[in-house]
Amino acid sequence: MKVFLWWFVVGSTMALAVIMVQGGLREAMQPQGSVWGLKLVELFTTILGGGLLGGCVALILDRIKKS
C-alpha cells in the first residue's frame, strides 16, 4: 500500500504539471459562463487518473520484482 500511495502522489503531481504546462489550469480558472463545475470535474478526473495510473503500474512492477 505504501508503494501505491507514493506513486499515486507522484502520478497525480505529474498529471497536474502537464496540465499546467499546457495552460489547462488557466483555462479552468477563467471559464466562460456556467462551465466552471464541468472544468473542475475534468481537471479532477485527469489528476485522479494520473495518480491511479502511476499507482497501479507501481503495484504491478513491485509484484513482478518480488516474484
C-alpha atoms as a PDB file:
ATOM      1  CA  MET A   1       0.000   0.000   0.000  1.00  0.00           C
ATOM      2  CA  LYS A   2       2.906   2.314   0.733  1.00  0.00           C
ATOM      3  CA  VAL A   3       4.227   1.855  -2.818  1.00  0.00           C
ATOM      4  CA  PHE A   4       0.811   2.605  -4.281  1.00  0.00           C
ATOM      5  CA  LEU A   5       0.323   5.768  -2.235  1.00  0.00           C
ATOM      6  CA  TRP A   6       3.762   7.127  -3.091  1.00  0.00           C
ATOM      7  CA  TRP A   7       3.347   6.558  -6.824  1.00  0.00           C
ATOM      8  CA  PHE A   8      -0.259   7.791  -6.711  1.00  0.00           C
ATOM      9  CA  VAL A   9       1.017  11.124  -5.387  1.00  0.00           C
ATOM     10  CA  VAL A  10       3.821  11.199  -7.960  1.00  0.00           C
ATOM     11  CA  GLY A  11       1.417  10.363 -10.813  1.00  0.00           C
ATOM     12  CA  SER A  12      -1.083  12.995  -9.684  1.00  0.00           C
ATOM     13  CA  THR A  13       1.635  15.618  -9.432  1.00  0.00           C
ATOM     14  CA  MET A  14       2.937  14.765 -12.890  1.00  0.00           C
ATOM     15  CA  ALA A  15      -0.572  14.976 -14.363  1.00  0.00           C
ATOM     16  CA  LEU A  16      -1.053  18.371 -12.718  1.00  0.00           C
ATOM     17  CA  ALA A  17       2.319  19.518 -14.072  1.00  0.00           C
ATOM     18  CA  VAL A  18       1.354  18.508 -17.606  1.00  0.00           C
ATOM     19  CA  ILE A  19      -1.962  20.365 -17.280  1.00  0.00           C
ATOM     20  CA  MET A  20      -0.144  23.472 -16.042  1.00  0.00           C
ATOM     21  CA  VAL A  21       2.424  23.352 -18.862  1.00  0.00           C
ATOM     22  CA  GLN A  22      -0.330  23.057 -21.454  1.00  0.00           C
ATOM     23  CA  GLY A  23      -2.185  26.019 -19.975  1.00  0.00           C
ATOM     24  CA  GLY A  24      -5.195  23.989 -18.909  1.00  0.00           C
ATOM     25  CA  LEU A  25      -5.176  25.335 -15.374  1.00  0.00           C
ATOM     26  CA  ARG A  26      -5.588  28.924 -16.574  1.00  0.00           C
ATOM     27  CA  GLU A  27      -8.369  27.741 -18.852  1.00  0.00           C
ATOM     28  CA  ALA A  28     -10.114  26.091 -15.896  1.00  0.00           C
ATOM     29  CA  MET A  29      -9.786  29.216 -13.752  1.00  0.00           C
ATOM     30  CA  GLN A  30     -11.281  31.535 -16.403  1.00  0.00           C
ATOM     31  CA  PRO A  31     -14.243  29.601 -17.829  1.00  0.00           C
ATOM     32  CA  GLN A  32     -16.922  31.277 -19.886  1.00  0.00           C
ATOM     33  CA  GLY A  33     -20.381  31.067 -18.382  1.00  0.00           C
ATOM     34  CA  SER A  34     -21.559  28.140 -16.292  1.00  0.00           C
ATOM     35  CA  VAL A  35     -18.893  25.610 -17.265  1.00  0.00           C
ATOM     36  CA  TRP A  36     -16.914  26.174 -14.028  1.00  0.00           C
ATOM     37  CA  GLY A  37     -18.183  22.912 -12.478  1.00  0.00           C
ATOM     38  CA  LEU A  38     -17.567  20.959 -15.657  1.00  0.00           C
ATOM     39  CA  LYS A  39     -13.992  22.236 -15.965  1.00  0.00           C
ATOM     40  CA  LEU A  40     -13.294  21.417 -12.307  1.00  0.00           C
ATOM     41  CA  VAL A  41     -14.600  17.858 -12.757  1.00  0.00           C
ATOM     42  CA  GLU A  42     -12.497  17.457 -15.902  1.00  0.00           C
ATOM     43  CA  LEU A  43      -9.407  18.716 -14.076  1.00  0.00           C
ATOM     44  CA  PHE A  44     -10.051  16.488 -11.053  1.00  0.00           C
ATOM     45  CA  THR A  45     -10.606  13.335 -13.110  1.00  0.00           C
ATOM     46  CA  THR A  46      -7.411  13.951 -15.081  1.00  0.00           C
ATOM     47  CA  ILE A  47      -5.348  14.336 -11.913  1.00  0.00           C
ATOM     48  CA  LEU A  48      -7.030  11.302 -10.319  1.00  0.00           C
ATOM     49  CA  GLY A  49      -6.435   9.265 -13.475  1.00  0.00           C
ATOM     50  CA  GLY A  50      -2.749  10.153 -13.489  1.00  0.00           C
ATOM     51  CA  GLY A  51      -2.468   9.071  -9.872  1.00  0.00           C
ATOM     52  CA  LEU A  52      -4.275   5.797 -10.464  1.00  0.00           C
ATOM     53  CA  LEU A  53      -2.131   5.035 -13.490  1.00  0.00           C
ATOM     54  CA  GLY A  54       1.083   5.697 -11.571  1.00  0.00           C
ATOM     55  CA  GLY A  55      -0.062   3.708  -8.529  1.00  0.00           C
ATOM     56  CA  CYS A  56      -1.296   0.692 -10.474  1.00  0.00           C
ATOM     57  CA  VAL A  57       1.814   0.476 -12.648  1.00  0.00           C
ATOM     58  CA  ALA A  58       3.948   0.677  -9.487  1.00  0.00           C
ATOM     59  CA  LEU A  59       1.971  -2.161  -7.877  1.00  0.00           C
ATOM     60  CA  ILE A  60       2.344  -4.350 -10.961  1.00  0.00           C
ATOM     61  CA  LEU A  61       6.078  -3.700 -11.207  1.00  0.00           C
ATOM     62  CA  ASP A  62       6.512  -4.279  -7.466  1.00  0.00           C
ATOM     63  CA  ARG A  63       4.714  -7.622  -7.714  1.00  0.00           C
ATOM     64  CA  ILE A  64       6.859  -8.661 -10.698  1.00  0.00           C
ATOM     65  CA  LYS A  65      10.005  -7.653  -8.803  1.00  0.00           C
ATOM     66  CA  LYS A  66       9.028  -9.795  -5.781  1.00  0.00           C
ATOM     67  CA  SER A  67       8.331 -12.929  -7.807  1.00  0.00           C
END
